[in-house]
Amino acid sequence: MEAVQEEGLDTLANLEERITRAVQVIGTLRHENNEFQQHLKTAQDELSSAKSELEQAQALSAEFQKENSALEEKLGQLNRQLEELRGERRQVKSRIEKLLNQLDLLSAS
């Protein structure tokens, strides 16, 4: 009978030890879970911030592309005007040279 009582006490002590370890493991897991939850929230906040920054950068990029297109169009217009002015300058120069030649002919006669 005494052996049965000792065996029962050993089993009870073993069960108590296993329950104590299980409680410790659960406590550790809960602590780790809280840490992971905090890390997850931080990562989600950083992701949200990065998405916001990306959207702002994309908006700025679209705006810059629009401005760049407008500037390229303006540059094209200015280049065309410059070529027109150069052509007019050549015509004026040619006319002036003809007039000077005629004046030289008048002076020589």
C-alpha atoms as a PDB file:
ATOM      1  CA  MET A   1       0.000   0.000   0.000  1.00  0.00           C
ATOM      2  CA  GLU A   2       2.842   2.248   0.807  1.00  0.00           C
ATOM      3  CA  ALA A   3       4.262   1.646  -2.673  1.00  0.00           C
ATOM      4  CA  VAL A   4       0.950   2.634  -4.232  1.00  0.00           C
ATOM      5  CA  GLN A   5       0.929   5.861  -2.202  1.00  0.00           C
ATOM      6  CA  GLU A   6       4.504   6.668  -3.237  1.00  0.00           C
ATOM      7  CA  GLU A   7       3.667   5.913  -6.845  1.00  0.00           C
ATOM      8  CA  GLY A   8       0.611   8.140  -6.595  1.00  0.00           C
ATOM      9  CA  LEU A   9       2.684  10.923  -5.028  1.00  0.00           C
ATOM     10  CA  ASP A  10       5.366  10.571  -7.724  1.00  0.00           C
ATOM     11  CA  THR A  11       2.710  10.714 -10.403  1.00  0.00           C
ATOM     12  CA  LEU A  12       1.138  13.752  -8.765  1.00  0.00           C
ATOM     13  CA  ALA A  13       4.533  15.453  -8.411  1.00  0.00           C
ATOM     14  CA  ASN A  14       5.319  14.624 -12.042  1.00  0.00           C
ATOM     15  CA  LEU A  15       1.967  16.030 -13.131  1.00  0.00           C
ATOM     16  CA  GLU A  16       2.526  19.156 -11.034  1.00  0.00           C
ATOM     17  CA  GLU A  17       5.962  19.647 -12.605  1.00  0.00           C
ATOM     18  CA  ARG A  18       4.562  19.206 -16.121  1.00  0.00           C
ATOM     19  CA  ILE A  19       1.766  21.695 -15.424  1.00  0.00           C
ATOM     20  CA  THR A  20       4.287  24.191 -14.013  1.00  0.00           C
ATOM     21  CA  ARG A  21       6.425  23.826 -17.182  1.00  0.00           C
ATOM     22  CA  ALA A  22       3.342  24.174 -19.377  1.00  0.00           C
ATOM     23  CA  VAL A  23       2.372  27.389 -17.557  1.00  0.00           C
ATOM     24  CA  GLN A  24       5.908  28.734 -18.034  1.00  0.00           C
ATOM     25  CA  VAL A  25       5.862  27.821 -21.730  1.00  0.00           C
ATOM     26  CA  ILE A  26       2.460  29.479 -22.143  1.00  0.00           C
ATOM     27  CA  GLY A  27       3.748  32.600 -20.371  1.00  0.00           C
ATOM     28  CA  THR A  28       6.813  32.683 -22.622  1.00  0.00           C
ATOM     29  CA  LEU A  29       4.693  32.172 -25.728  1.00  0.00           C
ATOM     30  CA  ARG A  30       2.324  34.945 -24.697  1.00  0.00           C
ATOM     31  CA  HIS A  31       5.275  37.298 -24.141  1.00  0.00           C
ATOM     32  CA  GLU A  32       6.766  36.371 -27.524  1.00  0.00           C
ATOM     33  CA  ASN A  33       3.349  36.784 -29.137  1.00  0.00           C
ATOM     34  CA  ASN A  34       3.054  40.294 -27.680  1.00  0.00           C
ATOM     35  CA  GLU A  35       6.519  41.166 -28.991  1.00  0.00           C
ATOM     36  CA  PHE A  36       5.637  39.806 -32.435  1.00  0.00           C
ATOM     37  CA  GLN A  37       2.376  41.749 -32.403  1.00  0.00           C
ATOM     38  CA  GLN A  38       4.312  44.937 -31.615  1.00  0.00           C
ATOM     39  CA  HIS A  39       6.817  44.181 -34.391  1.00  0.00           C
ATOM     40  CA  LEU A  40       3.943  43.498 -36.770  1.00  0.00           C
ATOM     41  CA  LYS A  41       2.256  46.790 -35.893  1.00  0.00           C
ATOM     42  CA  THR A  42       5.553  48.650 -36.375  1.00  0.00           C
ATOM     43  CA  ALA A  43       6.076  46.947 -39.730  1.00  0.00           C
ATOM     44  CA  GLN A  44       2.508  47.762 -40.790  1.00  0.00           C
ATOM     45  CA  ASP A  45       2.993  51.400 -39.790  1.00  0.00           C
ATOM     46  CA  GLU A  46       6.256  51.548 -41.735  1.00  0.00           C
ATOM     47  CA  LEU A  47       4.580  49.933 -44.730  1.00  0.00           C
ATOM     48  CA  SER A  48       1.747  52.434 -44.574  1.00  0.00           C
ATOM     49  CA  SER A  49       4.222  55.295 -44.357  1.00  0.00           C
ATOM     50  CA  ALA A  50       6.241  53.899 -47.267  1.00  0.00           C
ATOM     51  CA  LYS A  51       3.076  53.537 -49.367  1.00  0.00           C
ATOM     52  CA  SER A  52       2.162  57.133 -48.596  1.00  0.00           C
ATOM     53  CA  GLU A  53       5.636  58.321 -49.564  1.00  0.00           C
ATOM     54  CA  LEU A  54       5.460  56.240 -52.746  1.00  0.00           C
ATOM     55  CA  GLU A  55       2.108  57.790 -53.672  1.00  0.00           C
ATOM     56  CA  GLN A  56       3.524  61.267 -53.078  1.00  0.00           C
ATOM     57  CA  ALA A  57       6.594  60.448 -55.168  1.00  0.00           C
ATOM     58  CA  GLN A  58       4.409  59.086 -57.967  1.00  0.00           C
ATOM     59  CA  ALA A  59       2.243  62.214 -57.880  1.00  0.00           C
ATOM     60  CA  LEU A  60       5.350  64.415 -58.047  1.00  0.00           C
ATOM     61  CA  SER A  61       6.744  62.287 -60.863  1.00  0.00           C
ATOM     62  CA  ALA A  62       3.522  62.658 -62.858  1.00  0.00           C
ATOM     63  CA  GLU A  63       3.564  66.405 -62.238  1.00  0.00           C
ATOM     64  CA  PHE A  64       7.210  66.658 -63.316  1.00  0.00           C
ATOM     65  CA  GLN A  65       6.512  64.618 -66.439  1.00  0.00           C
ATOM     66  CA  LYS A  66       3.628  66.924 -67.307  1.00  0.00           C
ATOM     67  CA  GLU A  67       5.814  69.992 -66.743  1.00  0.00           C
ATOM     68  CA  ASN A  68       8.627  68.367 -68.737  1.00  0.00           C
ATOM     69  CA  SER A  69       6.277  67.746 -71.657  1.00  0.00           C
ATOM     70  CA  ALA A  70       5.107  71.353 -71.548  1.00  0.00           C
ATOM     71  CA  LEU A  71       8.713  72.586 -71.443  1.00  0.00           C
ATOM     72  CA  GLU A  72       9.693  70.342 -74.347  1.00  0.00           C
ATOM     73  CA  GLU A  73       6.780  71.725 -76.377  1.00  0.00           C
ATOM     74  CA  LYS A  74       7.814  75.279 -75.497  1.00  0.00           C
ATOM     75  CA  LEU A  75      11.418  74.481 -76.446  1.00  0.00           C
ATOM     76  CA  GLY A  76      10.236  73.146 -79.790  1.00  0.00           C
ATOM     77  CA  GLN A  77       8.258  76.340 -80.400  1.00  0.00           C
ATOM     78  CA  LEU A  78      11.237  78.508 -79.490  1.00  0.00           C
ATOM     79  CA  ASN A  79      13.529  76.498 -81.785  1.00  0.00           C
ATOM     80  CA  ARG A  80      11.070  76.962 -84.669  1.00  0.00           C
ATOM     81  CA  GLN A  81      10.888  80.696 -83.963  1.00  0.00           C
ATOM     82  CA  LEU A  82      14.681  80.871 -83.839  1.00  0.00           C
ATOM     83  CA  GLU A  83      14.976  79.166 -87.219  1.00  0.00           C
ATOM     84  CA  GLU A  84      12.377  81.571 -88.656  1.00  0.00           C
ATOM     85  CA  LEU A  85      14.319  84.552 -87.294  1.00  0.00           C
ATOM     86  CA  ARG A  86      17.570  83.210 -88.738  1.00  0.00           C
ATOM     87  CA  GLY A  87      15.891  82.825 -92.113  1.00  0.00           C
ATOM     88  CA  GLU A  88      14.565  86.377 -91.931  1.00  0.00           C
ATOM     89  CA  ARG A  89      18.031  87.583 -90.923  1.00  0.00           C
ATOM     90  CA  ARG A  90      19.582  85.921 -93.972  1.00  0.00           C
ATOM     91  CA  GLN A  91      16.966  87.553 -96.198  1.00  0.00           C
ATOM     92  CA  VAL A  92      17.579  90.981 -94.655  1.00  0.00           C
ATOM     93  CA  LYS A  93      21.350  90.522 -94.978  1.00  0.00           C
ATOM     94  CA  SER A  94      20.985  89.528 -98.624  1.00  0.00           C
ATOM     95  CA  ARG A  95      18.788  92.576 -99.378  1.00  0.00           C
ATOM     96  CA  ILE A  96      21.195  94.905 -97.599  1.00  0.00           C
ATOM     97  CA  GLU A  97      24.112  93.473 -99.599  1.00  0.00           C
ATOM     98  CA  LYS A  98      22.158  94.042-102.841  1.00  0.00           C
ATOM     99  CA  LEU A  99      21.372  97.609-101.795  1.00  0.00           C
ATOM    100  CA  LEU A 100      25.027  98.231-100.905  1.00  0.00           C
ATOM    101  CA  ASN A 101      26.106  96.823-104.284  1.00  0.00           C
ATOM    102  CA  GLN A 102      23.656  99.154-106.014  1.00  0.00           C
ATOM    103  CA  LEU A 103      25.010 102.094-103.984  1.00  0.00           C
ATOM    104  CA  ASP A 104      28.552 101.085-104.957  1.00  0.00           C
ATOM    105  CA  LEU A 105      27.485 101.044-108.615  1.00  0.00           C
ATOM    106  CA  LEU A 106      25.912 104.489-108.245  1.00  0.00           C
ATOM    107  CA  SER A 107      29.027 105.839-106.554  1.00  0.00           C
ATOM    108  CA  ALA A 108      31.289 104.387-109.213  1.00  0.00           C
ATOM    109  CA  SER A 109      29.393 105.972-112.077  1.00  0.00           C
END
